[in-house]
Amino acid sequence: MAAFSAPGMGQTSLPQNYQDQLAPVIAANCHAG
């Protein structure tokens, strides 16, 4: 996971439904370590 670098908020080009599904996952991963 170290190689994964999440773009800053507002810099993604994902459809809104993908953002809605991924947001809680990304948030969980950010706080996991």
PDB file of N, CA and C in Angstrom:
ATOM      1  N   MET A   1       0.836  -1.206   0.000  1.00  0.00           N
ATOM      2  CA  MET A   1       0.000   0.000   0.000  1.00  0.00           C
ATOM      3  C   MET A   1       0.869   1.255   0.000  1.00  0.00           C
ATOM      4  N   ALA A   2       2.150   1.097   0.276  1.00  0.00           N
ATOM      5  CA  ALA A   2       3.021   2.264   0.387  1.00  0.00           C
ATOM      6  C   ALA A   2       3.161   3.005  -0.932  1.00  0.00           C
ATOM      7  N   ALA A   3       3.047   2.260  -2.038  1.00  0.00           N
ATOM      8  CA  ALA A   3       3.204   2.887  -3.352  1.00  0.00           C
ATOM      9  C   ALA A   3       1.951   3.643  -3.771  1.00  0.00           C
ATOM     10  N   PHE A   4       0.844   3.395  -3.085  1.00  0.00           N
ATOM     11  CA  PHE A   4      -0.412   4.051  -3.441  1.00  0.00           C
ATOM     12  C   PHE A   4      -0.437   5.464  -2.878  1.00  0.00           C
ATOM     13  N   SER A   5      -0.643   6.429  -3.757  1.00  0.00           N
ATOM     14  CA  SER A   5      -0.714   7.824  -3.327  1.00  0.00           C
ATOM     15  C   SER A   5      -2.054   8.399  -3.747  1.00  0.00           C
ATOM     16  N   ALA A   6      -2.922   8.626  -2.799  1.00  0.00           N
ATOM     17  CA  ALA A   6      -4.241   9.161  -3.109  1.00  0.00           C
ATOM     18  C   ALA A   6      -4.126  10.618  -3.537  1.00  0.00           C
ATOM     19  N   PRO A   7      -4.802  11.003  -4.608  1.00  0.00           N
ATOM     20  CA  PRO A   7      -4.796  12.409  -5.017  1.00  0.00           C
ATOM     21  C   PRO A   7      -5.527  13.265  -3.995  1.00  0.00           C
ATOM     22  N   GLY A   8      -5.236  14.547  -3.981  1.00  0.00           N
ATOM     23  CA  GLY A   8      -5.893  15.456  -3.058  1.00  0.00           C
ATOM     24  C   GLY A   8      -7.385  15.533  -3.344  1.00  0.00           C
ATOM     25  N   MET A   9      -8.144  15.968  -2.374  1.00  0.00           N
ATOM     26  CA  MET A   9      -9.582  16.104  -2.567  1.00  0.00           C
ATOM     27  C   MET A   9      -9.859  17.040  -3.738  1.00  0.00           C
ATOM     28  N   GLY A  10     -10.801  16.646  -4.589  1.00  0.00           N
ATOM     29  CA  GLY A  10     -11.162  17.488  -5.717  1.00  0.00           C
ATOM     30  C   GLY A  10     -10.278  17.283  -6.927  1.00  0.00           C
ATOM     31  N   GLN A  11      -9.315  16.360  -6.854  1.00  0.00           N
ATOM     32  CA  GLN A  11      -8.411  16.128  -7.979  1.00  0.00           C
ATOM     33  C   GLN A  11      -8.726  14.831  -8.711  1.00  0.00           C
ATOM     34  N   THR A  12      -9.731  14.101  -8.239  1.00  0.00           N
ATOM     35  CA  THR A  12     -10.092  12.853  -8.897  1.00  0.00           C
ATOM     36  C   THR A  12     -11.046  13.117 -10.050  1.00  0.00           C
ATOM     37  N   SER A  13     -11.067  12.209 -11.007  1.00  0.00           N
ATOM     38  CA  SER A  13     -11.976  12.333 -12.138  1.00  0.00           C
ATOM     39  C   SER A  13     -12.940  11.151 -12.169  1.00  0.00           C
ATOM     40  N   LEU A  14     -13.168  10.545 -11.012  1.00  0.00           N
ATOM     41  CA  LEU A  14     -14.076   9.414 -10.935  1.00  0.00           C
ATOM     42  C   LEU A  14     -15.525   9.888 -10.983  1.00  0.00           C
ATOM     43  N   PRO A  15     -16.410   9.051 -11.543  1.00  0.00           N
ATOM     44  CA  PRO A  15     -17.843   9.371 -11.486  1.00  0.00           C
ATOM     45  C   PRO A  15     -18.303   9.475 -10.034  1.00  0.00           C
ATOM     46  N   GLN A  16     -19.354  10.227  -9.796  1.00  0.00           N
ATOM     47  CA  GLN A  16     -19.811  10.478  -8.430  1.00  0.00           C
ATOM     48  C   GLN A  16     -20.167   9.187  -7.699  1.00  0.00           C
ATOM     49  N   ASN A  17     -20.754   8.220  -8.407  1.00  0.00           N
ATOM     50  CA  ASN A  17     -21.135   6.978  -7.729  1.00  0.00           C
ATOM     51  C   ASN A  17     -19.908   6.205  -7.252  1.00  0.00           C
ATOM     52  N   TYR A  18     -18.807   6.279  -8.008  1.00  0.00           N
ATOM     53  CA  TYR A  18     -17.566   5.649  -7.555  1.00  0.00           C
ATOM     54  C   TYR A  18     -17.022   6.377  -6.337  1.00  0.00           C
ATOM     55  N   GLN A  19     -17.063   7.688  -6.357  1.00  0.00           N
ATOM     56  CA  GLN A  19     -16.583   8.469  -5.214  1.00  0.00           C
ATOM     57  C   GLN A  19     -17.382   8.125  -3.966  1.00  0.00           C
ATOM     58  N   ASP A  20     -18.706   8.004  -4.128  1.00  0.00           N
ATOM     59  CA  ASP A  20     -19.561   7.694  -2.985  1.00  0.00           C
ATOM     60  C   ASP A  20     -19.210   6.337  -2.380  1.00  0.00           C
ATOM     61  N   GLN A  21     -18.869   5.376  -3.237  1.00  0.00           N
ATOM     62  CA  GLN A  21     -18.552   4.039  -2.751  1.00  0.00           C
ATOM     63  C   GLN A  21     -17.146   3.968  -2.171  1.00  0.00           C
ATOM     64  N   LEU A  22     -16.218   4.713  -2.746  1.00  0.00           N
ATOM     65  CA  LEU A  22     -14.822   4.618  -2.325  1.00  0.00           C
ATOM     66  C   LEU A  22     -14.483   5.500  -1.131  1.00  0.00           C
ATOM     67  N   ALA A  23     -15.227   6.568  -0.933  1.00  0.00           N
ATOM     68  CA  ALA A  23     -14.909   7.510   0.137  1.00  0.00           C
ATOM     69  C   ALA A  23     -14.758   6.830   1.507  1.00  0.00           C
ATOM     70  N   PRO A  24     -15.725   6.011   1.946  1.00  0.00           N
ATOM     71  CA  PRO A  24     -15.562   5.365   3.260  1.00  0.00           C
ATOM     72  C   PRO A  24     -14.388   4.391   3.295  1.00  0.00           C
ATOM     73  N   VAL A  25     -14.097   3.740   2.166  1.00  0.00           N
ATOM     74  CA  VAL A  25     -12.967   2.803   2.104  1.00  0.00           C
ATOM     75  C   VAL A  25     -11.655   3.557   2.233  1.00  0.00           C
ATOM     76  N   ILE A  26     -11.529   4.651   1.491  1.00  0.00           N
ATOM     77  CA  ILE A  26     -10.316   5.466   1.545  1.00  0.00           C
ATOM     78  C   ILE A  26     -10.140   6.051   2.947  1.00  0.00           C
ATOM     79  N   ALA A  27     -11.228   6.524   3.527  1.00  0.00           N
ATOM     80  CA  ALA A  27     -11.160   7.089   4.870  1.00  0.00           C
ATOM     81  C   ALA A  27     -10.710   6.032   5.877  1.00  0.00           C
ATOM     82  N   ALA A  28     -11.232   4.815   5.754  1.00  0.00           N
ATOM     83  CA  ALA A  28     -10.852   3.732   6.660  1.00  0.00           C
ATOM     84  C   ALA A  28      -9.373   3.403   6.502  1.00  0.00           C
ATOM     85  N   ASN A  29      -8.886   3.385   5.261  1.00  0.00           N
ATOM     86  CA  ASN A  29      -7.480   3.073   5.012  1.00  0.00           C
ATOM     87  C   ASN A  29      -6.569   4.173   5.539  1.00  0.00           C
ATOM     88  N   CYS A  30      -6.988   5.408   5.423  1.00  0.00           N
ATOM     89  CA  CYS A  30      -6.169   6.529   5.887  1.00  0.00           C
ATOM     90  C   CYS A  30      -5.999   6.480   7.403  1.00  0.00           C
ATOM     91  N   HIS A  31      -7.030   6.026   8.116  1.00  0.00           N
ATOM     92  CA  HIS A  31      -6.986   6.010   9.569  1.00  0.00           C
ATOM     93  C   HIS A  31      -6.501   4.670  10.122  1.00  0.00           C
ATOM     94  N   ALA A  32      -6.300   3.692   9.236  1.00  0.00           N
ATOM     95  CA  ALA A  32      -5.916   2.357   9.699  1.00  0.00           C
ATOM     96  C   ALA A  32      -4.477   2.329  10.207  1.00  0.00           C
ATOM     97  N   GLY A  33      -3.610   3.165   9.625  1.00  0.00           N
ATOM     98  CA  GLY A  33      -2.208   3.105  10.022  1.00  0.00           C
ATOM     99  C   GLY A  33      -1.795   4.344  10.743  1.00  0.00           C
TER     100      GLY A  33
END
